Amino acid sequence: AICQQRILACTRFFLQALSNFDSGNSVFSE
């Protein structure tokens, strides 16, 4: 259950990072 919760947290983090880049709110390249 903890593993699944952490993988879900990773998924949300990854998707948000992509969103930040696509909206121009990232200091990194793609």
PDB file of all heavy atoms in Angstrom:
ATOM      1  N   ALA A   1       0.839  -1.204   0.000  1.00  0.00           N
ATOM      2  CA  ALA A   1       0.000   0.000   0.000  1.00  0.00           C
ATOM      3  C   ALA A   1       0.872   1.252   0.000  1.00  0.00           C
ATOM      4  O   ALA A   1       0.572   2.240  -0.679  1.00  0.00           O
ATOM      5  CB  ALA A   1      -0.939  -0.002   1.196  1.00  0.00           C
ATOM      6  N   ILE A   2       1.958   1.209   0.760  1.00  0.00           N
ATOM      7  CA  ILE A   2       2.887   2.349   0.783  1.00  0.00           C
ATOM      8  C   ILE A   2       3.592   2.472  -0.559  1.00  0.00           C
ATOM      9  O   ILE A   2       3.765   3.582  -1.087  1.00  0.00           O
ATOM     10  CB  ILE A   2       3.904   2.192   1.925  1.00  0.00           C
ATOM     11  CG1 ILE A   2       3.197   2.235   3.279  1.00  0.00           C
ATOM     12  CG2 ILE A   2       4.972   3.282   1.845  1.00  0.00           C
ATOM     13  CD1 ILE A   2       4.108   1.992   4.464  1.00  0.00           C
ATOM     14  N   CYS A   3       3.998   1.348  -1.135  1.00  0.00           N
ATOM     15  CA  CYS A   3       4.625   1.366  -2.456  1.00  0.00           C
ATOM     16  C   CYS A   3       3.694   2.008  -3.487  1.00  0.00           C
ATOM     17  O   CYS A   3       4.102   2.867  -4.271  1.00  0.00           O
ATOM     18  CB  CYS A   3       4.977  -0.043  -2.903  1.00  0.00           C
ATOM     19  SG  CYS A   3       6.314  -0.819  -1.987  1.00  0.00           S
ATOM     20  N   GLN A   4       2.440   1.582  -3.484  1.00  0.00           N
ATOM     21  CA  GLN A   4       1.478   2.113  -4.435  1.00  0.00           C
ATOM     22  C   GLN A   4       1.266   3.604  -4.224  1.00  0.00           C
ATOM     23  O   GLN A   4       1.156   4.371  -5.192  1.00  0.00           O
ATOM     24  CB  GLN A   4       0.161   1.358  -4.310  1.00  0.00           C
ATOM     25  CG  GLN A   4       0.241  -0.084  -4.784  1.00  0.00           C
ATOM     26  CD  GLN A   4      -1.004  -0.875  -4.474  1.00  0.00           C
ATOM     27  OE1 GLN A   4      -1.965  -0.356  -3.900  1.00  0.00           O
ATOM     28  NE2 GLN A   4      -1.010  -2.143  -4.841  1.00  0.00           N
ATOM     29  N   GLN A   5       1.210   4.017  -2.975  1.00  0.00           N
ATOM     30  CA  GLN A   5       1.019   5.434  -2.671  1.00  0.00           C
ATOM     31  C   GLN A   5       2.198   6.264  -3.193  1.00  0.00           C
ATOM     32  O   GLN A   5       2.008   7.353  -3.741  1.00  0.00           O
ATOM     33  CB  GLN A   5       0.872   5.624  -1.162  1.00  0.00           C
ATOM     34  CG  GLN A   5       0.620   7.067  -0.732  1.00  0.00           C
ATOM     35  CD  GLN A   5       0.277   7.156   0.730  1.00  0.00           C
ATOM     36  OE1 GLN A   5      -0.726   6.606   1.174  1.00  0.00           O
ATOM     37  NE2 GLN A   5       1.116   7.833   1.495  1.00  0.00           N
ATOM     38  N   ARG A   6       3.391   5.725  -3.058  1.00  0.00           N
ATOM     39  CA  ARG A   6       4.571   6.460  -3.534  1.00  0.00           C
ATOM     40  C   ARG A   6       4.629   6.496  -5.062  1.00  0.00           C
ATOM     41  O   ARG A   6       5.010   7.508  -5.646  1.00  0.00           O
ATOM     42  CB  ARG A   6       5.844   5.841  -2.963  1.00  0.00           C
ATOM     43  CG  ARG A   6       6.023   6.164  -1.490  1.00  0.00           C
ATOM     44  CD  ARG A   6       7.448   5.943  -1.041  1.00  0.00           C
ATOM     45  NE  ARG A   6       7.652   6.446   0.323  1.00  0.00           N
ATOM     46  CZ  ARG A   6       8.822   6.478   0.934  1.00  0.00           C
ATOM     47  NH1 ARG A   6       9.904   6.026   0.312  1.00  0.00           N
ATOM     48  NH2 ARG A   6       8.933   6.950   2.158  1.00  0.00           N
ATOM     49  N   ILE A   7       4.258   5.412  -5.709  1.00  0.00           N
ATOM     50  CA  ILE A   7       4.242   5.409  -7.174  1.00  0.00           C
ATOM     51  C   ILE A   7       3.197   6.397  -7.688  1.00  0.00           C
ATOM     52  O   ILE A   7       3.416   7.112  -8.672  1.00  0.00           O
ATOM     53  CB  ILE A   7       3.995   3.992  -7.712  1.00  0.00           C
ATOM     54  CG1 ILE A   7       5.217   3.106  -7.430  1.00  0.00           C
ATOM     55  CG2 ILE A   7       3.696   4.019  -9.206  1.00  0.00           C
ATOM     56  CD1 ILE A   7       5.040   1.655  -7.808  1.00  0.00           C
ATOM     57  N   LEU A   8       2.057   6.467  -7.009  1.00  0.00           N
ATOM     58  CA  LEU A   8       1.039   7.449  -7.377  1.00  0.00           C
ATOM     59  C   LEU A   8       1.576   8.866  -7.207  1.00  0.00           C
ATOM     60  O   LEU A   8       1.358   9.734  -8.062  1.00  0.00           O
ATOM     61  CB  LEU A   8      -0.215   7.250  -6.528  1.00  0.00           C
ATOM     62  CG  LEU A   8      -1.357   8.244  -6.768  1.00  0.00           C
ATOM     63  CD1 LEU A   8      -1.819   8.203  -8.218  1.00  0.00           C
ATOM     64  CD2 LEU A   8      -2.522   7.960  -5.835  1.00  0.00           C
ATOM     65  N   ALA A   9       2.306   9.099  -6.112  1.00  0.00           N
ATOM     66  CA  ALA A   9       2.903  10.412  -5.892  1.00  0.00           C
ATOM     67  C   ALA A   9       3.909  10.736  -6.993  1.00  0.00           C
ATOM     68  O   ALA A   9       3.968  11.874  -7.485  1.00  0.00           O
ATOM     69  CB  ALA A   9       3.585  10.461  -4.524  1.00  0.00           C
ATOM     70  N   CYS A  10       4.685   9.750  -7.404  1.00  0.00           N
ATOM     71  CA  CYS A  10       5.633   9.946  -8.497  1.00  0.00           C
ATOM     72  C   CYS A  10       4.910  10.283  -9.796  1.00  0.00           C
ATOM     73  O   CYS A  10       5.346  11.153 -10.563  1.00  0.00           O
ATOM     74  CB  CYS A  10       6.467   8.687  -8.706  1.00  0.00           C
ATOM     75  SG  CYS A  10       7.679   8.370  -7.406  1.00  0.00           S
ATOM     76  N   THR A  11       3.808   9.583 -10.047  1.00  0.00           N
ATOM     77  CA  THR A  11       3.046   9.831 -11.270  1.00  0.00           C
ATOM     78  C   THR A  11       2.536  11.267 -11.304  1.00  0.00           C
ATOM     79  O   THR A  11       2.661  11.966 -12.315  1.00  0.00           O
ATOM     80  CB  THR A  11       1.860   8.858 -11.365  1.00  0.00           C
ATOM     81  OG1 THR A  11       2.347   7.514 -11.327  1.00  0.00           O
ATOM     82  CG2 THR A  11       1.085   9.081 -12.648  1.00  0.00           C
ATOM     83  N   ARG A  12       1.975  11.698 -10.193  1.00  0.00           N
ATOM     84  CA  ARG A  12       1.465  13.074 -10.123  1.00  0.00           C
ATOM     85  C   ARG A  12       2.608  14.076 -10.300  1.00  0.00           C
ATOM     86  O   ARG A  12       2.455  15.096 -10.998  1.00  0.00           O
ATOM     87  CB  ARG A  12       0.744  13.298  -8.800  1.00  0.00           C
ATOM     88  CG  ARG A  12      -0.562  12.514  -8.649  1.00  0.00           C
ATOM     89  CD  ARG A  12      -1.154  12.740  -7.253  1.00  0.00           C
ATOM     90  NE  ARG A  12      -2.326  11.930  -7.029  1.00  0.00           N
ATOM     91  CZ  ARG A  12      -3.571  12.280  -7.353  1.00  0.00           C
ATOM     92  NH1 ARG A  12      -3.774  13.447  -7.948  1.00  0.00           N
ATOM     93  NH2 ARG A  12      -4.586  11.484  -7.098  1.00  0.00           N
ATOM     94  N   PHE A  13       3.733  13.816  -9.668  1.00  0.00           N
ATOM     95  CA  PHE A  13       4.880  14.716  -9.770  1.00  0.00           C
ATOM     96  C   PHE A  13       5.363  14.801 -11.215  1.00  0.00           C
ATOM     97  O   PHE A  13       5.633  15.888 -11.733  1.00  0.00           O
ATOM     98  CB  PHE A  13       6.015  14.223  -8.870  1.00  0.00           C
ATOM     99  CG  PHE A  13       7.234  15.097  -8.899  1.00  0.00           C
ATOM    100  CD1 PHE A  13       7.357  16.172  -8.032  1.00  0.00           C
ATOM    101  CD2 PHE A  13       8.255  14.849  -9.798  1.00  0.00           C
ATOM    102  CE1 PHE A  13       8.474  16.995  -8.077  1.00  0.00           C
ATOM    103  CE2 PHE A  13       9.386  15.657  -9.848  1.00  0.00           C
ATOM    104  CZ  PHE A  13       9.493  16.735  -8.979  1.00  0.00           C
ATOM    105  N   PHE A  14       5.477  13.659 -11.871  1.00  0.00           N
ATOM    106  CA  PHE A  14       5.960  13.629 -13.243  1.00  0.00           C
ATOM    107  C   PHE A  14       5.011  14.384 -14.173  1.00  0.00           C
ATOM    108  O   PHE A  14       5.449  15.187 -15.010  1.00  0.00           O
ATOM    109  CB  PHE A  14       6.124  12.185 -13.707  1.00  0.00           C
ATOM    110  CG  PHE A  14       6.795  12.050 -15.037  1.00  0.00           C
ATOM    111  CD1 PHE A  14       8.169  12.114 -15.139  1.00  0.00           C
ATOM    112  CD2 PHE A  14       6.046  11.861 -16.191  1.00  0.00           C
ATOM    113  CE1 PHE A  14       8.806  12.002 -16.374  1.00  0.00           C
ATOM    114  CE2 PHE A  14       6.668  11.753 -17.426  1.00  0.00           C
ATOM    115  CZ  PHE A  14       8.052  11.824 -17.522  1.00  0.00           C
ATOM    116  N   LEU A  15       3.725  14.145 -14.040  1.00  0.00           N
ATOM    117  CA  LEU A  15       2.742  14.825 -14.884  1.00  0.00           C
ATOM    118  C   LEU A  15       2.747  16.325 -14.650  1.00  0.00           C
ATOM    119  O   LEU A  15       2.604  17.115 -15.588  1.00  0.00           O
ATOM    120  CB  LEU A  15       1.347  14.248 -14.629  1.00  0.00           C
ATOM    121  CG  LEU A  15       1.134  12.793 -15.043  1.00  0.00           C
ATOM    122  CD1 LEU A  15      -0.232  12.308 -14.586  1.00  0.00           C
ATOM    123  CD2 LEU A  15       1.277  12.628 -16.562  1.00  0.00           C
ATOM    124  N   GLN A  16       2.921  16.737 -13.398  1.00  0.00           N
ATOM    125  CA  GLN A  16       2.965  18.160 -13.093  1.00  0.00           C
ATOM    126  C   GLN A  16       4.227  18.795 -13.685  1.00  0.00           C
ATOM    127  O   GLN A  16       4.185  19.929 -14.180  1.00  0.00           O
ATOM    128  CB  GLN A  16       2.928  18.388 -11.581  1.00  0.00           C
ATOM    129  CG  GLN A  16       2.839  19.861 -11.185  1.00  0.00           C
ATOM    130  CD  GLN A  16       1.586  20.534 -11.737  1.00  0.00           C
ATOM    131  OE1 GLN A  16       0.475  20.026 -11.555  1.00  0.00           O
ATOM    132  NE2 GLN A  16       1.756  21.654 -12.413  1.00  0.00           N
ATOM    133  N   ALA A  17       5.340  18.073 -13.661  1.00  0.00           N
ATOM    134  CA  ALA A  17       6.572  18.591 -14.256  1.00  0.00           C
ATOM    135  C   ALA A  17       6.392  18.817 -15.753  1.00  0.00           C
ATOM    136  O   ALA A  17       6.844  19.838 -16.302  1.00  0.00           O
ATOM    137  CB  ALA A  17       7.727  17.625 -13.995  1.00  0.00           C
ATOM    138  N   LEU A  18       5.725  17.887 -16.436  1.00  0.00           N
ATOM    139  CA  LEU A  18       5.443  18.059 -17.855  1.00  0.00           C
ATOM    140  C   LEU A  18       4.544  19.263 -18.087  1.00  0.00           C
ATOM    141  O   LEU A  18       4.763  20.050 -19.030  1.00  0.00           O
ATOM    142  CB  LEU A  18       4.780  16.803 -18.422  1.00  0.00           C
ATOM    143  CG  LEU A  18       5.605  15.523 -18.457  1.00  0.00           C
ATOM    144  CD1 LEU A  18       4.763  14.383 -19.014  1.00  0.00           C
ATOM    145  CD2 LEU A  18       6.874  15.700 -19.277  1.00  0.00           C
ATOM    146  N   SER A  19       3.538  19.414 -17.235  1.00  0.00           N
ATOM    147  CA  SER A  19       2.627  20.547 -17.357  1.00  0.00           C
ATOM    148  C   SER A  19       3.363  21.867 -17.166  1.00  0.00           C
ATOM    149  O   SER A  19       3.120  22.843 -17.892  1.00  0.00           O
ATOM    150  CB  SER A  19       1.491  20.416 -16.330  1.00  0.00           C
ATOM    151  OG  SER A  19       0.649  21.541 -16.371  1.00  0.00           O
ATOM    152  N   ASN A  20       4.266  21.907 -16.194  1.00  0.00           N
ATOM    153  CA  ASN A  20       5.039  23.128 -15.952  1.00  0.00           C
ATOM    154  C   ASN A  20       5.869  23.493 -17.181  1.00  0.00           C
ATOM    155  O   ASN A  20       5.945  24.665 -17.576  1.00  0.00           O
ATOM    156  CB  ASN A  20       5.957  22.943 -14.738  1.00  0.00           C
ATOM    157  CG  ASN A  20       5.190  22.870 -13.438  1.00  0.00           C
ATOM    158  OD1 ASN A  20       4.030  23.246 -13.369  1.00  0.00           O
ATOM    159  ND2 ASN A  20       5.839  22.366 -12.400  1.00  0.00           N
ATOM    160  N   PHE A  21       6.487  22.490 -17.798  1.00  0.00           N
ATOM    161  CA  PHE A  21       7.280  22.763 -18.997  1.00  0.00           C
ATOM    162  C   PHE A  21       6.389  23.250 -20.134  1.00  0.00           C
ATOM    163  O   PHE A  21       6.701  24.244 -20.804  1.00  0.00           O
ATOM    164  CB  PHE A  21       8.049  21.519 -19.438  1.00  0.00           C
ATOM    165  CG  PHE A  21       8.735  21.718 -20.760  1.00  0.00           C
ATOM    166  CD1 PHE A  21       9.938  22.400 -20.828  1.00  0.00           C
ATOM    167  CD2 PHE A  21       8.156  21.246 -21.932  1.00  0.00           C
ATOM    168  CE1 PHE A  21      10.556  22.624 -22.056  1.00  0.00           C
ATOM    169  CE2 PHE A  21       8.769  21.464 -23.160  1.00  0.00           C
ATOM    170  CZ  PHE A  21       9.972  22.152 -23.217  1.00  0.00           C
ATOM    171  N   ASP A  22       5.289  22.547 -20.364  1.00  0.00           N
ATOM    172  CA  ASP A  22       4.423  22.884 -21.498  1.00  0.00           C
ATOM    173  C   ASP A  22       3.792  24.268 -21.356  1.00  0.00           C
ATOM    174  O   ASP A  22       3.448  24.909 -22.355  1.00  0.00           O
ATOM    175  CB  ASP A  22       3.329  21.825 -21.655  1.00  0.00           C
ATOM    176  CG  ASP A  22       3.884  20.493 -22.146  1.00  0.00           C
ATOM    177  OD1 ASP A  22       4.996  20.485 -22.710  1.00  0.00           O
ATOM    178  OD2 ASP A  22       3.204  19.457 -21.951  1.00  0.00           O
ATOM    179  N   SER A  23       3.622  24.723 -20.120  1.00  0.00           N
ATOM    180  CA  SER A  23       3.050  26.056 -19.891  1.00  0.00           C
ATOM    181  C   SER A  23       4.122  27.136 -19.778  1.00  0.00           C
ATOM    182  O   SER A  23       3.808  28.291 -19.489  1.00  0.00           O
ATOM    183  CB  SER A  23       2.179  26.042 -18.632  1.00  0.00           C
ATOM    184  OG  SER A  23       2.939  25.680 -17.494  1.00  0.00           O
ATOM    185  N   GLY A  24       5.381  26.764 -19.982  1.00  0.00           N
ATOM    186  CA  GLY A  24       6.464  27.736 -19.950  1.00  0.00           C
ATOM    187  C   GLY A  24       6.981  28.059 -18.568  1.00  0.00           C
ATOM    188  O   GLY A  24       7.694  29.056 -18.388  1.00  0.00           O
ATOM    189  N   ASN A  25       6.651  27.222 -17.589  1.00  0.00           N
ATOM    190  CA  ASN A  25       7.045  27.482 -16.204  1.00  0.00           C
ATOM    191  C   ASN A  25       8.139  26.531 -15.732  1.00  0.00           C
ATOM    192  O   ASN A  25       8.069  25.977 -14.643  1.00  0.00           O
ATOM    193  CB  ASN A  25       5.825  27.366 -15.282  1.00  0.00           C
ATOM    194  CG  ASN A  25       4.778  28.400 -15.587  1.00  0.00           C
ATOM    195  OD1 ASN A  25       5.094  29.568 -15.841  1.00  0.00           O
ATOM    196  ND2 ASN A  25       3.514  28.003 -15.577  1.00  0.00           N
ATOM    197  N   SER A  26       9.148  26.337 -16.562  1.00  0.00           N
ATOM    198  CA  SER A  26      10.264  25.457 -16.197  1.00  0.00           C
ATOM    199  C   SER A  26      11.572  26.109 -16.625  1.00  0.00           C
ATOM    200  O   SER A  26      11.639  26.758 -17.672  1.00  0.00           O
ATOM    201  CB  SER A  26      10.113  24.088 -16.870  1.00  0.00           C
ATOM    202  OG  SER A  26      11.234  23.263 -16.603  1.00  0.00           O
ATOM    203  N   VAL A  27      12.596  25.923 -15.804  1.00  0.00           N
ATOM    204  CA  VAL A  27      13.920  26.460 -16.145  1.00  0.00           C
ATOM    205  C   VAL A  27      14.690  25.477 -17.019  1.00  0.00           C
ATOM    206  O   VAL A  27      15.792  25.793 -17.481  1.00  0.00           O
ATOM    207  CB  VAL A  27      14.737  26.778 -14.869  1.00  0.00           C
ATOM    208  CG1 VAL A  27      14.022  27.817 -14.029  1.00  0.00           C
ATOM    209  CG2 VAL A  27      14.982  25.511 -14.050  1.00  0.00           C
ATOM    210  N   PHE A  28      14.134  24.287 -17.244  1.00  0.00           N
ATOM    211  CA  PHE A  28      14.815  23.242 -17.985  1.00  0.00           C
ATOM    212  C   PHE A  28      14.315  23.147 -19.423  1.00  0.00           C
ATOM    213  O   PHE A  28      13.201  23.578 -19.745  1.00  0.00           O
ATOM    214  CB  PHE A  28      14.605  21.888 -17.308  1.00  0.00           C
ATOM    215  CG  PHE A  28      15.122  21.807 -15.898  1.00  0.00           C
ATOM    216  CD1 PHE A  28      14.269  21.561 -14.832  1.00  0.00           C
ATOM    217  CD2 PHE A  28      16.471  21.973 -15.639  1.00  0.00           C
ATOM    218  CE1 PHE A  28      14.747  21.480 -13.539  1.00  0.00           C
ATOM    219  CE2 PHE A  28      16.969  21.894 -14.353  1.00  0.00           C
ATOM    220  CZ  PHE A  28      16.102  21.650 -13.289  1.00  0.00           C
ATOM    221  N   SER A  29      15.131  22.525 -20.268  1.00  0.00           N
ATOM    222  CA  SER A  29      14.670  22.145 -21.597  1.00  0.00           C
ATOM    223  C   SER A  29      13.703  20.969 -21.448  1.00  0.00           C
ATOM    224  O   SER A  29      13.533  20.416 -20.347  1.00  0.00           O
ATOM    225  CB  SER A  29      15.859  21.735 -22.468  1.00  0.00           C
ATOM    226  OG  SER A  29      16.428  20.513 -21.988  1.00  0.00           O
ATOM    227  N   GLU A  30      13.098  20.550 -22.561  1.00  0.00           N
ATOM    228  CA  GLU A  30      12.146  19.441 -22.487  1.00  0.00           C
ATOM    229  C   GLU A  30      12.826  18.167 -21.977  1.00  0.00           C
ATOM    230  O   GLU A  30      12.314  17.507 -21.071  1.00  0.00           O
ATOM    231  CB  GLU A  30      11.524  19.188 -23.853  1.00  0.00           C
ATOM    232  CG  GLU A  30      10.508  18.054 -23.862  1.00  0.00           C
ATOM    233  CD  GLU A  30       9.767  17.938 -25.171  1.00  0.00           C
ATOM    234  OE1 GLU A  30      10.179  18.589 -26.149  1.00  0.00           O
ATOM    235  OE2 GLU A  30       8.780  17.191 -25.218  1.00  0.00           O
TER     236      GLU A  30
END
